[in-house]
């Protein structure tokens, strides 16, 4: 009985770890994308100012 419970806890733990890694990856990817968009926007406004 203990073995069965331990296997279940182990599987659930692995599942949670995978889920957490996907969440962390998604958040960091989103933050990197926002940072890049901010840089792109800044470069675009500087380019428009230099044209004037």
N, C-alpha and C. Protein backbone atom coordinates (compact mmCIF):
# COMPACT_ATOMS: atom_id res chain seq x y z
N UNK A 1 0.83 -1.20 0.00
CA UNK A 1 0.00 0.00 0.00
C UNK A 1 0.88 1.27 0.00
N UNK A 2 1.90 1.28 0.84
CA UNK A 2 2.79 2.44 0.90
C UNK A 2 3.46 2.70 -0.44
N UNK A 3 3.85 1.62 -1.11
CA UNK A 3 4.52 1.72 -2.40
C UNK A 3 3.61 2.41 -3.42
N UNK A 4 2.34 2.04 -3.42
CA UNK A 4 1.37 2.64 -4.34
C UNK A 4 1.22 4.14 -4.08
N UNK A 5 1.13 4.51 -2.81
CA UNK A 5 0.99 5.92 -2.43
C UNK A 5 2.23 6.70 -2.84
N UNK A 6 3.41 6.12 -2.59
CA UNK A 6 4.66 6.78 -2.96
C UNK A 6 4.76 6.99 -4.47
N UNK A 7 4.35 5.98 -5.24
CA UNK A 7 4.37 6.12 -6.71
C UNK A 7 3.44 7.24 -7.15
N UNK A 8 2.27 7.32 -6.54
CA UNK A 8 1.30 8.35 -6.91
C UNK A 8 1.85 9.74 -6.58
N UNK A 9 2.42 9.88 -5.40
CA UNK A 9 3.01 11.17 -4.98
C UNK A 9 4.14 11.56 -5.94
N UNK A 10 4.95 10.59 -6.33
CA UNK A 10 6.06 10.83 -7.24
C UNK A 10 5.55 11.32 -8.60
N UNK A 11 4.51 10.64 -9.12
CA UNK A 11 3.94 11.03 -10.43
C UNK A 11 3.33 12.42 -10.37
N UNK A 12 2.62 12.70 -9.30
CA UNK A 12 2.00 14.02 -9.13
C UNK A 12 3.09 15.09 -9.02
N UNK A 13 4.16 14.77 -8.30
CA UNK A 13 5.28 15.71 -8.15
C UNK A 13 5.93 16.04 -9.48
N UNK A 14 6.15 15.00 -10.29
CA UNK A 14 6.72 15.22 -11.62
C UNK A 14 5.79 16.06 -12.48
N UNK A 15 4.51 15.75 -12.42
CA UNK A 15 3.51 16.51 -13.18
C UNK A 15 3.51 17.98 -12.79
N UNK A 16 3.56 18.25 -11.49
CA UNK A 16 3.59 19.63 -11.01
C UNK A 16 4.87 20.34 -11.42
N UNK A 17 5.99 19.62 -11.38
CA UNK A 17 7.27 20.23 -11.77
C UNK A 17 7.25 20.62 -13.25
N UNK A 18 6.70 19.75 -14.09
CA UNK A 18 6.61 20.04 -15.53
C UNK A 18 5.69 21.25 -15.76
N UNK A 19 4.56 21.25 -15.07
CA UNK A 19 3.61 22.36 -15.20
C UNK A 19 4.25 23.67 -14.76
N UNK A 20 4.95 23.64 -13.64
CA UNK A 20 5.62 24.84 -13.13
C UNK A 20 6.67 25.35 -14.12
N UNK A 21 7.42 24.41 -14.71
CA UNK A 21 8.46 24.83 -15.66
C UNK A 21 7.84 25.49 -16.89
N UNK A 22 6.68 24.97 -17.35
CA UNK A 22 6.00 25.61 -18.48
C UNK A 22 5.52 27.00 -18.12
N UNK A 23 4.99 27.16 -16.90
CA UNK A 23 4.51 28.47 -16.46
C UNK A 23 5.66 29.47 -16.39
N UNK A 24 6.77 29.04 -15.78
CA UNK A 24 7.95 29.92 -15.66
C UNK A 24 8.48 30.29 -17.04
N UNK A 25 8.55 29.30 -17.96
CA UNK A 25 9.01 29.56 -19.32
C UNK A 25 8.11 30.58 -20.01
N UNK A 26 6.80 30.42 -19.85
CA UNK A 26 5.85 31.34 -20.47
C UNK A 26 6.00 32.76 -19.95
N UNK A 27 6.18 32.90 -18.64
CA UNK A 27 6.33 34.22 -18.04
C UNK A 27 7.62 34.89 -18.52
N UNK A 28 8.73 34.14 -18.51
CA UNK A 28 10.00 34.74 -18.92
C UNK A 28 9.98 35.08 -20.41
N UNK A 29 9.34 34.23 -21.21
CA UNK A 29 9.23 34.52 -22.65
C UNK A 29 8.43 35.80 -22.87
N UNK A 30 7.34 35.94 -22.11
CA UNK A 30 6.49 37.13 -22.21
C UNK A 30 7.26 38.38 -21.80
N UNK A 31 8.04 38.28 -20.71
CA UNK A 31 8.82 39.44 -20.26
C UNK A 31 9.88 39.83 -21.28
N UNK A 32 10.54 38.83 -21.88
CA UNK A 32 11.55 39.12 -22.90
C UNK A 32 10.91 39.79 -24.11
N UNK A 33 9.71 39.32 -24.48
CA UNK A 33 9.01 39.89 -25.63
C UNK A 33 8.63 41.35 -25.35
N UNK A 34 8.12 41.61 -24.13
CA UNK A 34 7.76 42.99 -23.77
C UNK A 34 8.99 43.90 -23.77
N UNK A 35 10.11 43.39 -23.27
CA UNK A 35 11.34 44.17 -23.26
C UNK A 35 11.78 44.50 -24.68
N UNK A 36 11.70 43.51 -25.57
CA UNK A 36 12.08 43.71 -26.97
C UNK A 36 11.16 44.72 -27.64
N UNK A 37 9.86 44.62 -27.37
CA UNK A 37 8.91 45.56 -27.95
C UNK A 37 9.19 46.99 -27.47
N UNK A 38 9.56 47.12 -26.19
CA UNK A 38 9.89 48.44 -25.64
C UNK A 38 11.11 49.02 -26.36
N UNK A 39 12.12 48.18 -26.57
CA UNK A 39 13.33 48.63 -27.27
C UNK A 39 13.00 49.02 -28.72
N UNK A 40 12.17 48.18 -29.38
CA UNK A 40 11.78 48.47 -30.76
C UNK A 40 11.03 49.80 -30.85
N UNK A 41 10.12 50.03 -29.89
CA UNK A 41 9.35 51.27 -29.88
C UNK A 41 10.27 52.47 -29.69
N UNK A 42 11.23 52.32 -28.78
CA UNK A 42 12.17 53.40 -28.51
C UNK A 42 13.00 53.71 -29.75
N UNK A 43 13.47 52.67 -30.43
CA UNK A 43 14.27 52.87 -31.65
C UNK A 43 13.43 53.52 -32.75
N UNK A 44 12.16 53.13 -32.83
CA UNK A 44 11.29 53.69 -33.85
C UNK A 44 11.06 55.19 -33.62
N UNK A 45 10.84 55.58 -32.37
CA UNK A 45 10.61 57.00 -32.08
C UNK A 45 11.88 57.81 -32.30
N UNK A 46 13.03 57.22 -31.98
CA UNK A 46 14.30 57.93 -32.22
C UNK A 46 14.55 58.10 -33.72
N UNK A 47 14.19 57.08 -34.50
CA UNK A 47 14.36 57.16 -35.95
C UNK A 47 13.46 58.24 -36.54
N UNK A 48 12.23 58.33 -36.01
CA UNK A 48 11.30 59.35 -36.51
C UNK A 48 11.78 60.76 -36.13
N UNK A 49 12.35 60.90 -34.96
CA UNK A 49 12.86 62.22 -34.53
C UNK A 49 14.04 62.64 -35.40
N UNK A 50 14.89 61.69 -35.74
CA UNK A 50 16.08 62.03 -36.54
C UNK A 50 15.70 62.40 -37.97
N UNK A 51 14.55 61.92 -38.43
CA UNK A 51 14.11 62.27 -39.79
C UNK A 51 13.65 63.72 -39.89
N UNK A 52 13.11 64.24 -38.78
CA UNK A 52 12.53 65.60 -38.80
C UNK A 52 13.56 66.69 -38.85
